[in-house]
């Protein structure tokens, strides 16, 4: 009976070492699979049976059996791809994707960060499963509800100019023109001018000429003129005006605005544009930050405005915390959402194929939240996590499994020879 038992014990050894080779083969086959985690077969001995007739209690084993195939969740190396939608997790966690896999429509988890935007604006993986995260509204505020990440609004709307920042130095030695500025003769009734590009309610660029005229010592008038081709009236006209006053040290004392209502052709009427010339002393400023009046040539020291035209989504940037920031062709940036990551207390996820994992009772429920929070790692853009398979280690394990298989096959052939000897005892 013991010889027959050794046959079956040897078979268990063949099965276990053959299973080890299957696991090793799977690891080697996936050595270049993005986000793959190597497996390791664990075995245990089979319950032993007692040896009858021995004075003390003794047992002989019946071989071994597969106990579990574990997955090693160690970090894989990161490879730079140059694609901003390729993502890698540094530390713990999994991307959350939703779709159908093996007949189940549910959330699945993956370390493979190969994403792209489909024709509906959703961020999807290679299996067209939708990446999960938190959407952002038009102002960039992040929702707390987990859902599909979709770039529904891929345009940046127009923002009409409401403020112009203009800092100039006006020549203190200029001869005053007491009669002031005449829009019909701007060249002879002003000392200095500059052109500012602003945007109307439709996002069209409009050129506004700002003229400065010295009317008395320390006193200047400013006039914002819109050309006939841009004016709603079809005439060249002053659409904003006011005064600047300086003290004998060249400091800006006061700024006044007589009007600032612009009417551009084809756009919303009475567009208010505030002109900011600096920090006058009357408002508690130093009078030196911004416009000044010194005895040197008149010049523009700084100029800007807050309007911009419509723009289309140009690039997407993703930071360590999973924030998705869109850059538009008009130079604007806007937060468009945040990627979610999931972590698990246990290491018992089920492999589902397609670089996907599923939660089990052994792993526990997914702990979903923002990257770089809790136990979740951070996200690196333009990188992909490679497989954590070490080819050299797999080859060593392969040699051990091969030798184990050969040794167990020898126990079977030896047991067979013993049976042959027993059969030949009676002839």
Protein backbone atom coordinates (compact mmCIF):
# COMPACT_ATOMS: atom_id res chain seq x y z
CA UNK A 1 0.00 0.00 0.00
CA UNK A 2 2.85 2.38 0.83
CA UNK A 3 4.36 1.89 -2.63
CA UNK A 4 1.06 2.77 -4.28
CA UNK A 5 0.87 5.81 -2.02
CA UNK A 6 4.28 6.96 -3.20
CA UNK A 7 2.97 6.90 -6.79
CA UNK A 8 0.21 9.34 -5.92
CA UNK A 9 2.59 11.41 -3.81
CA UNK A 10 4.86 11.73 -6.83
CA UNK A 11 1.91 12.75 -8.99
CA UNK A 12 1.10 15.57 -6.54
CA UNK A 13 4.70 16.76 -6.89
CA UNK A 14 4.40 16.70 -10.70
CA UNK A 15 1.18 18.69 -10.52
CA UNK A 16 2.57 21.30 -8.14
CA UNK A 17 5.77 21.85 -10.10
CA UNK A 18 3.79 21.89 -13.34
CA UNK A 19 1.53 24.56 -11.83
CA UNK A 20 4.63 26.51 -10.80
CA UNK A 21 5.81 26.44 -14.41
CA UNK A 22 2.39 27.78 -15.51
CA UNK A 23 2.72 30.70 -13.10
CA UNK A 24 6.32 31.39 -14.19
CA UNK A 25 5.29 31.22 -17.86
CA UNK A 26 2.50 33.72 -17.23
CA UNK A 27 4.93 36.07 -15.50
CA UNK A 28 7.43 35.88 -18.36
CA UNK A 29 4.70 36.30 -20.98
CA UNK A 30 3.64 39.55 -19.25
CA UNK A 31 7.09 40.96 -18.57
CA UNK A 32 6.31 43.84 -20.98
CA UNK A 33 2.65 44.31 -19.99
CA UNK A 34 2.06 47.79 -18.54
CA UNK A 35 1.12 47.67 -14.85
CA UNK A 36 1.37 43.85 -14.62
CA UNK A 37 2.00 42.34 -11.16
CA UNK A 38 3.86 39.03 -11.00
CA UNK A 39 2.24 35.96 -9.45
CA UNK A 40 3.70 33.43 -7.05
CA UNK A 41 2.34 29.92 -6.46
CA UNK A 42 2.19 28.80 -2.83
CA UNK A 43 1.80 25.13 -1.86
CA UNK A 44 1.07 23.18 1.29
CA UNK A 45 1.49 19.56 2.29
CA UNK A 46 -1.47 17.18 2.22
CA UNK A 47 -2.73 15.67 5.47
CA UNK A 48 -0.52 12.73 6.49
CA UNK A 49 -1.73 9.21 7.40
CA UNK A 50 -0.58 7.29 10.47
CA UNK A 51 1.98 4.48 10.29
CA UNK A 52 0.45 1.38 11.89
CA UNK A 53 2.56 -0.81 14.12
CA UNK A 54 5.04 1.82 15.19
CA UNK A 55 5.48 2.24 18.91
CA UNK A 56 5.13 6.00 18.87
CA UNK A 57 2.63 8.03 16.90
CA UNK A 58 4.10 8.57 13.41
CA UNK A 59 2.71 9.90 10.16
CA UNK A 60 3.69 9.82 6.52
CA UNK A 61 2.71 12.68 4.22
CA UNK A 62 0.67 12.31 1.02
CA UNK A 63 2.43 14.94 -1.07
CA UNK A 64 1.43 18.55 -1.62
CA UNK A 65 -1.25 20.72 -3.20
CA UNK A 66 -1.71 24.27 -4.48
CA UNK A 67 -2.66 26.55 -1.62
CA UNK A 68 -2.87 29.94 -3.32
CA UNK A 69 -1.53 32.05 -6.17
CA UNK A 70 -0.45 35.38 -4.67
CA UNK A 71 0.15 38.60 -6.57
CA UNK A 72 3.11 40.74 -5.61
CA UNK A 73 1.99 44.38 -5.66
CA UNK A 74 5.46 45.89 -5.56
CA UNK A 75 6.14 49.05 -7.57
CA UNK A 76 7.24 48.61 -11.17
CA UNK A 77 9.74 50.90 -12.86
CA UNK A 78 8.43 54.01 -14.64
CA UNK A 79 8.98 54.73 -18.32
CA UNK A 80 8.69 58.19 -19.86
CA UNK A 81 6.34 58.31 -22.86
CA UNK A 82 5.88 62.03 -23.55
CA UNK A 83 2.09 61.53 -23.72
CA UNK A 84 0.33 63.64 -21.08
CA UNK A 85 -2.56 61.15 -20.82
CA UNK A 86 -0.22 58.26 -19.93
CA UNK A 87 -0.35 58.01 -16.14
CA UNK A 88 1.56 56.08 -13.50
CA UNK A 89 0.86 55.67 -9.79
CA UNK A 90 3.80 56.12 -7.46
CA UNK A 91 2.89 54.29 -4.28
CA UNK A 92 -0.30 52.48 -3.34
CA UNK A 93 -3.53 52.54 -5.25
CA UNK A 94 -5.34 51.66 -8.45
CA UNK A 95 -7.10 53.63 -11.16
CA UNK A 96 -10.86 53.14 -11.05
CA UNK A 97 -12.48 52.32 -14.40
CA UNK A 98 -16.07 51.41 -15.16
CA UNK A 99 -17.40 49.19 -17.91
CA UNK A 100 -18.27 45.63 -18.83
CA UNK A 101 -15.75 42.83 -18.22
CA UNK A 102 -16.57 39.11 -18.11
CA UNK A 103 -20.29 39.97 -18.33
CA UNK A 104 -20.18 42.29 -15.32
CA UNK A 105 -20.94 46.02 -15.51
CA UNK A 106 -19.09 47.41 -12.51
CA UNK A 107 -16.08 49.30 -11.23
CA UNK A 108 -12.76 47.59 -11.87
CA UNK A 109 -9.26 48.54 -10.77
CA UNK A 110 -6.04 48.80 -12.74
CA UNK A 111 -2.42 49.93 -12.51
CA UNK A 112 -2.23 50.34 -16.29
CA UNK A 113 -2.44 54.07 -17.02
CA UNK A 114 -2.78 54.09 -20.82
CA UNK A 115 -5.67 56.51 -21.31
CA UNK A 116 -7.06 58.57 -24.17
CA UNK A 117 -10.12 60.73 -24.88
CA UNK A 118 -12.84 59.09 -26.98
CA UNK A 119 -15.19 60.77 -29.45
CA UNK A 120 -17.65 61.61 -26.66
CA UNK A 121 -15.01 63.34 -24.55
CA UNK A 122 -14.62 60.56 -21.96
CA UNK A 123 -11.22 59.49 -20.65
CA UNK A 124 -11.02 55.75 -21.39
CA UNK A 125 -8.46 52.94 -21.20
CA UNK A 126 -7.46 50.55 -23.98
CA UNK A 127 -10.68 48.56 -23.40
CA UNK A 128 -12.79 51.74 -23.68
CA UNK A 129 -13.67 51.54 -19.99
CA UNK A 130 -14.28 54.99 -18.52
CA UNK A 131 -11.88 56.43 -15.97
CA UNK A 132 -13.61 57.47 -12.75
CA UNK A 133 -13.05 60.70 -10.86
CA UNK A 134 -14.61 63.95 -9.77
CA UNK A 135 -16.00 66.41 -12.32
CA UNK A 136 -15.38 70.17 -12.19
CA UNK A 137 -17.90 72.90 -12.96
CA UNK A 138 -17.31 75.89 -15.25
CA UNK A 139 -15.51 77.77 -12.49
CA UNK A 140 -13.18 74.84 -11.72
CA UNK A 141 -14.81 73.73 -8.45
CA UNK A 142 -14.45 69.95 -7.89
CA UNK A 143 -17.48 67.76 -7.21
CA UNK A 144 -17.53 65.19 -4.40
CA UNK A 145 -19.53 62.65 -6.46
CA UNK A 146 -17.57 59.87 -8.18
CA UNK A 147 -18.39 59.43 -11.86
CA UNK A 148 -17.13 59.22 -15.43
CA UNK A 149 -14.52 61.83 -16.31
CA UNK A 150 -15.73 63.66 -19.40
CA UNK A 151 -14.45 66.80 -21.05
CA UNK A 152 -17.90 68.11 -21.94
CA UNK A 153 -16.81 71.72 -22.28
CA UNK A 154 -13.73 71.77 -24.50
CA UNK A 155 -13.92 75.52 -25.17
CA UNK A 156 -13.01 78.56 -23.12
CA UNK A 157 -15.72 81.24 -23.50
CA UNK A 158 -15.16 84.89 -24.33
CA UNK A 159 -14.33 87.31 -21.56
CA UNK A 160 -14.92 90.93 -22.58
CA UNK A 161 -12.33 93.43 -21.34
CA UNK A 162 -13.38 95.19 -18.15
CA UNK A 163 -10.06 96.59 -16.95
CA UNK A 164 -7.04 98.11 -18.67
CA UNK A 165 -3.81 98.53 -16.70
CA UNK A 166 -1.72 101.29 -18.24
CA UNK A 167 1.39 102.77 -16.66
CA UNK A 168 3.18 105.62 -18.47
CA UNK A 169 5.78 108.23 -17.80
CA UNK A 170 4.68 111.62 -19.17
CA UNK A 171 7.33 114.18 -20.06
CA UNK A 172 7.27 116.95 -17.42
CA UNK A 173 8.95 119.36 -19.86
CA UNK A 174 6.23 119.12 -22.50
CA UNK A 175 4.55 122.41 -23.48
CA UNK A 176 0.96 122.62 -22.25
CA UNK A 177 -1.96 122.82 -24.69
CA UNK A 178 -4.62 124.69 -22.66
CA UNK A 179 -7.32 124.08 -25.29
CA UNK A 180 -7.02 120.36 -24.70
CA UNK A 181 -7.48 117.36 -26.98
CA UNK A 182 -9.34 117.48 -30.29
CA UNK A 183 -10.37 114.09 -31.71
CA UNK A 184 -10.41 115.65 -35.19
CA UNK A 185 -6.74 116.63 -34.87
CA UNK A 186 -5.14 114.14 -32.46
CA UNK A 187 -1.58 114.62 -33.73
CA UNK A 188 -1.45 118.33 -32.91
CA UNK A 189 -3.53 118.26 -29.72
CA UNK A 190 -1.74 115.49 -27.82
CA UNK A 191 1.79 114.87 -26.61
CA UNK A 192 1.85 111.08 -26.48
CA UNK A 193 -0.28 108.11 -27.50
CA UNK A 194 -0.31 104.32 -27.32
CA UNK A 195 -2.59 101.63 -28.71
CA UNK A 196 -4.25 98.98 -26.51
CA UNK A 197 -5.99 95.87 -27.85
CA UNK A 198 -9.19 95.05 -25.95
CA UNK A 199 -11.93 92.45 -26.53
CA UNK A 200 -15.63 93.12 -27.01
CA UNK A 201 -18.58 90.93 -25.94
CA UNK A 202 -18.06 88.66 -28.96
CA UNK A 203 -14.36 88.17 -28.31
CA UNK A 204 -13.34 90.34 -31.27
CA UNK A 205 -10.08 92.24 -30.82
CA UNK A 206 -10.54 96.03 -30.94
CA UNK A 207 -7.76 98.65 -31.00
CA UNK A 208 -8.22 101.59 -28.66
CA UNK A 209 -5.84 104.55 -28.94
CA UNK A 210 -5.05 106.33 -25.66
CA UNK A 211 -3.96 109.99 -26.11
CA UNK A 212 -2.32 112.08 -23.38
CA UNK A 213 -2.41 115.89 -23.48
CA UNK A 214 -0.72 118.26 -21.02
CA UNK A 215 -3.19 121.05 -20.24
CA UNK A 216 -1.26 122.81 -17.43
CA UNK A 217 1.70 122.22 -15.12
CA UNK A 218 1.13 118.82 -13.53
CA UNK A 219 -2.22 118.36 -15.27
CA UNK A 220 -2.89 115.95 -18.12
CA UNK A 221 -6.02 114.73 -19.87
CA UNK A 222 -6.36 111.22 -21.25
CA UNK A 223 -8.74 110.17 -24.01
CA UNK A 224 -9.48 106.68 -25.30
CA UNK A 225 -10.43 106.87 -28.97
CA UNK A 226 -12.13 104.18 -31.07
CA UNK A 227 -11.61 104.33 -34.82
CA UNK A 228 -14.57 104.65 -37.19
CA UNK A 229 -14.08 101.07 -38.43
CA UNK A 230 -14.65 99.69 -34.90
CA UNK A 231 -17.16 102.22 -33.59
CA UNK A 232 -20.89 101.40 -33.56
CA UNK A 233 -21.64 104.92 -34.82
CA UNK A 234 -19.26 104.59 -37.75
CA UNK A 235 -17.35 107.67 -36.53
CA UNK A 236 -14.00 108.05 -34.84
CA UNK A 237 -14.92 109.14 -31.32
CA UNK A 238 -13.81 109.43 -27.73
CA UNK A 239 -15.38 106.62 -25.69
CA UNK A 240 -13.49 107.08 -22.41
CA UNK A 241 -11.73 110.08 -20.90
CA UNK A 242 -10.42 111.62 -17.70
CA UNK A 243 -7.51 113.46 -16.08
CA UNK A 244 -4.19 112.74 -14.35
CA UNK A 245 -2.64 115.12 -11.81
CA UNK A 246 1.00 115.02 -10.64
CA UNK A 247 2.87 116.89 -7.91
CA UNK A 248 6.22 118.63 -8.28
CA UNK A 249 8.03 115.36 -7.46
CA UNK A 250 6.45 113.66 -10.45
CA UNK A 251 4.16 111.54 -8.29
CA UNK A 252 0.63 110.66 -9.39
CA UNK A 253 -1.76 112.53 -7.09
CA UNK A 254 -5.23 111.94 -8.51
CA UNK A 255 -6.92 110.11 -11.37
CA UNK A 256 -10.40 110.98 -12.62
CA UNK A 257 -12.65 109.27 -15.15
CA UNK A 258 -15.27 111.34 -16.97
CA UNK A 259 -16.63 108.44 -19.05
CA UNK A 260 -15.71 104.84 -19.85
CA UNK A 261 -18.58 103.42 -21.92
CA UNK A 262 -17.53 101.71 -25.15
CA UNK A 263 -19.77 100.95 -28.12
CA UNK A 264 -18.12 98.62 -30.60
CA UNK A 265 -19.71 97.75 -33.91
CA UNK A 266 -21.89 94.61 -33.66
CA UNK A 267 -21.17 94.03 -29.95
CA UNK A 268 -23.06 94.67 -26.71
CA UNK A 269 -23.47 98.42 -26.16
CA UNK A 270 -22.04 100.42 -23.27
CA UNK A 271 -19.18 98.07 -22.43
CA UNK A 272 -17.58 99.54 -19.29
CA UNK A 273 -13.78 99.43 -19.30
CA UNK A 274 -11.96 100.82 -16.27
CA UNK A 275 -8.54 102.39 -16.86
CA UNK A 276 -6.05 101.85 -14.04
CA UNK A 277 -3.05 104.20 -14.22
CA UNK A 278 -1.39 103.23 -10.94
CA UNK A 279 -1.62 104.04 -7.22
CA UNK A 280 -2.41 107.75 -6.78
CA UNK A 281 -1.65 109.42 -3.47
CA UNK A 282 -5.36 110.29 -3.09
CA UNK A 283 -6.10 106.56 -2.78
CA UNK A 284 -3.36 105.99 -0.21
CA UNK A 285 -0.70 104.97 -2.71
CA UNK A 286 2.88 106.15 -3.09
CA UNK A 287 2.18 107.83 -6.43
CA UNK A 288 5.26 106.15 -7.89
CA UNK A 289 3.93 102.68 -8.70
CA UNK A 290 2.35 103.10 -12.10
CA UNK A 291 2.19 106.39 -13.98
CA UNK A 292 4.65 109.20 -13.25
CA UNK A 293 5.68 112.59 -14.62
CA UNK A 294 9.44 113.00 -14.92
CA UNK A 295 11.57 115.12 -17.21
CA UNK A 296 12.28 112.46 -19.78
CA UNK A 297 10.59 111.24 -22.91
CA UNK A 298 7.02 109.99 -22.62
CA UNK A 299 6.87 106.21 -22.73
CA UNK A 300 4.77 103.20 -21.73
CA UNK A 301 6.26 101.33 -18.75
CA UNK A 302 3.63 98.56 -18.56
CA UNK A 303 0.38 97.67 -20.25
CA UNK A 304 -2.23 94.93 -19.93
CA UNK A 305 -5.92 94.08 -19.96
CA UNK A 306 -8.12 91.27 -18.63
CA UNK A 307 -10.15 90.25 -21.70
CA UNK A 308 -9.62 87.33 -24.06
CA UNK A 309 -11.33 85.68 -27.05
CA UNK A 310 -12.88 82.21 -27.18
CA UNK A 311 -10.40 79.32 -27.18
CA UNK A 312 -10.35 75.59 -27.87
CA UNK A 313 -8.83 72.93 -25.63
CA UNK A 314 -5.20 72.52 -26.63
CA UNK A 315 -3.46 70.39 -24.02
CA UNK A 316 -4.31 68.61 -20.77
CA UNK A 317 -1.97 68.58 -17.78
CA UNK A 318 -2.40 66.23 -14.81
CA UNK A 319 -0.60 66.87 -11.54
CA UNK A 320 0.40 64.60 -8.64
CA UNK A 321 -2.98 65.05 -6.94
CA UNK A 322 -4.81 63.98 -10.10
CA UNK A 323 -6.04 67.46 -10.97
CA UNK A 324 -6.79 67.71 -14.69
CA UNK A 325 -5.99 71.21 -15.97
CA UNK A 326 -6.90 72.20 -19.51
CA UNK A 327 -4.87 74.77 -21.43
CA UNK A 328 -6.76 76.58 -24.18
CA UNK A 329 -5.66 78.30 -27.38
CA UNK A 330 -6.53 81.69 -25.87
CA UNK A 331 -3.94 81.17 -23.13
CA UNK A 332 -6.46 80.38 -20.40
CA UNK A 333 -6.21 77.45 -17.97
CA UNK A 334 -9.09 75.73 -16.20
CA UNK A 335 -9.44 72.78 -13.82
CA UNK A 336 -11.56 70.18 -15.62
CA UNK A 337 -11.73 67.40 -13.02
CA UNK A 338 -9.77 65.19 -10.65
CA UNK A 339 -8.82 61.53 -11.05
CA UNK A 340 -9.77 59.15 -8.24
CA UNK A 341 -7.64 56.30 -6.89
CA UNK A 342 -8.69 53.24 -4.91
CA UNK A 343 -6.73 51.40 -2.24
CA UNK A 344 -7.52 48.19 -0.35
CA UNK A 345 -6.77 46.97 3.15
CA UNK A 346 -6.20 43.38 2.03
CA UNK A 347 -4.16 41.85 -0.78
CA UNK A 348 -6.86 39.59 -2.21
CA UNK A 349 -7.90 41.21 -5.49
CA UNK A 350 -9.14 38.92 -8.27
CA UNK A 351 -7.51 39.09 -11.71
CA UNK A 352 -10.11 39.72 -14.41
CA UNK A 353 -7.91 39.99 -17.52
CA UNK A 354 -7.37 43.14 -19.53
CA UNK A 355 -5.07 44.56 -16.82
CA UNK A 356 -8.10 44.69 -14.52
CA UNK A 357 -8.70 43.62 -10.93
CA UNK A 358 -11.90 43.11 -8.97
CA UNK A 359 -12.51 43.56 -5.26
CA UNK A 360 -13.23 40.47 -3.14
CA UNK A 361 -14.20 39.82 0.47
CA UNK A 362 -10.51 39.10 1.12
CA UNK A 363 -9.37 42.46 -0.25
CA UNK A 364 -12.19 44.41 1.40
CA UNK A 365 -14.09 47.31 -0.12
CA UNK A 366 -12.28 49.89 -2.21
CA UNK A 367 -11.15 53.00 -0.33
CA UNK A 368 -11.69 55.60 -3.07
CA UNK A 369 -10.46 59.17 -2.83
CA UNK A 370 -8.07 61.78 -4.17
CA UNK A 371 -4.48 60.82 -5.05
CA UNK A 372 -1.80 61.70 -2.47
CA UNK A 373 -4.37 61.40 0.32
CA UNK A 374 -4.76 58.69 2.95
CA UNK A 375 -2.81 55.59 1.93
CA UNK A 376 -3.10 56.42 -1.78
CA UNK A 377 -0.03 57.32 -3.82
CA UNK A 378 0.48 60.19 -6.24
CA UNK A 379 0.04 60.33 -10.01
CA UNK A 380 2.83 61.03 -12.49
CA UNK A 381 1.87 62.22 -15.96
CA UNK A 382 3.65 61.18 -19.18
CA UNK A 383 4.88 58.00 -17.47
CA UNK A 384 3.76 54.37 -17.50
CA UNK A 385 4.44 51.78 -14.81
CA UNK A 386 6.15 48.73 -16.23
CA UNK A 387 5.71 45.12 -15.12
CA UNK A 388 7.41 44.19 -11.84
CA UNK A 389 8.59 40.84 -13.30
CA UNK A 390 12.32 40.20 -12.73
CA UNK A 391 13.40 37.95 -15.61
CA UNK A 392 16.51 36.66 -13.82
CA UNK A 393 14.45 35.59 -10.79
CA UNK A 394 11.89 33.90 -13.02
CA UNK A 395 14.63 31.88 -14.73
CA UNK A 396 15.98 30.73 -11.36
CA UNK A 397 12.46 29.72 -10.29
CA UNK A 398 12.09 27.91 -13.61
CA UNK A 399 15.25 25.86 -12.96
CA UNK A 400 14.01 24.95 -9.47
CA UNK A 401 10.58 23.93 -10.82
CA UNK A 402 12.20 21.87 -13.59
CA UNK A 403 14.42 20.02 -11.17
CA UNK A 404 11.48 19.45 -8.83
CA UNK A 405 9.45 17.99 -11.67
CA UNK A 406 12.32 15.72 -12.69
CA UNK A 407 12.85 14.54 -9.10
CA UNK A 408 9.16 13.73 -8.62
CA UNK A 409 9.09 11.82 -11.90
CA UNK A 410 11.99 9.74 -10.53
CA UNK A 411 9.98 8.81 -7.43
CA UNK A 412 7.20 7.51 -9.69
CA UNK A 413 9.55 5.43 -11.86
CA UNK A 414 11.32 4.08 -8.78
CA UNK A 415 8.00 3.12 -7.15
CA UNK A 416 7.07 1.39 -10.40
CA UNK A 417 10.31 -0.60 -10.32
CA UNK A 418 9.59 -1.69 -6.75
CA UNK A 419 6.16 -2.93 -7.79
CA UNK A 420 7.78 -4.85 -10.66
CA UNK A 421 10.14 -6.51 -8.16
CA UNK A 422 7.19 -7.48 -5.98
CA UNK A 423 5.36 -9.01 -8.96
CA UNK A 424 8.41 -11.05 -9.93
CA UNK A 425 8.77 -12.65 -6.49
CA UNK A 426 6.40 -15.51 -7.54
CA UNK A 427 7.34 -17.29 -10.73
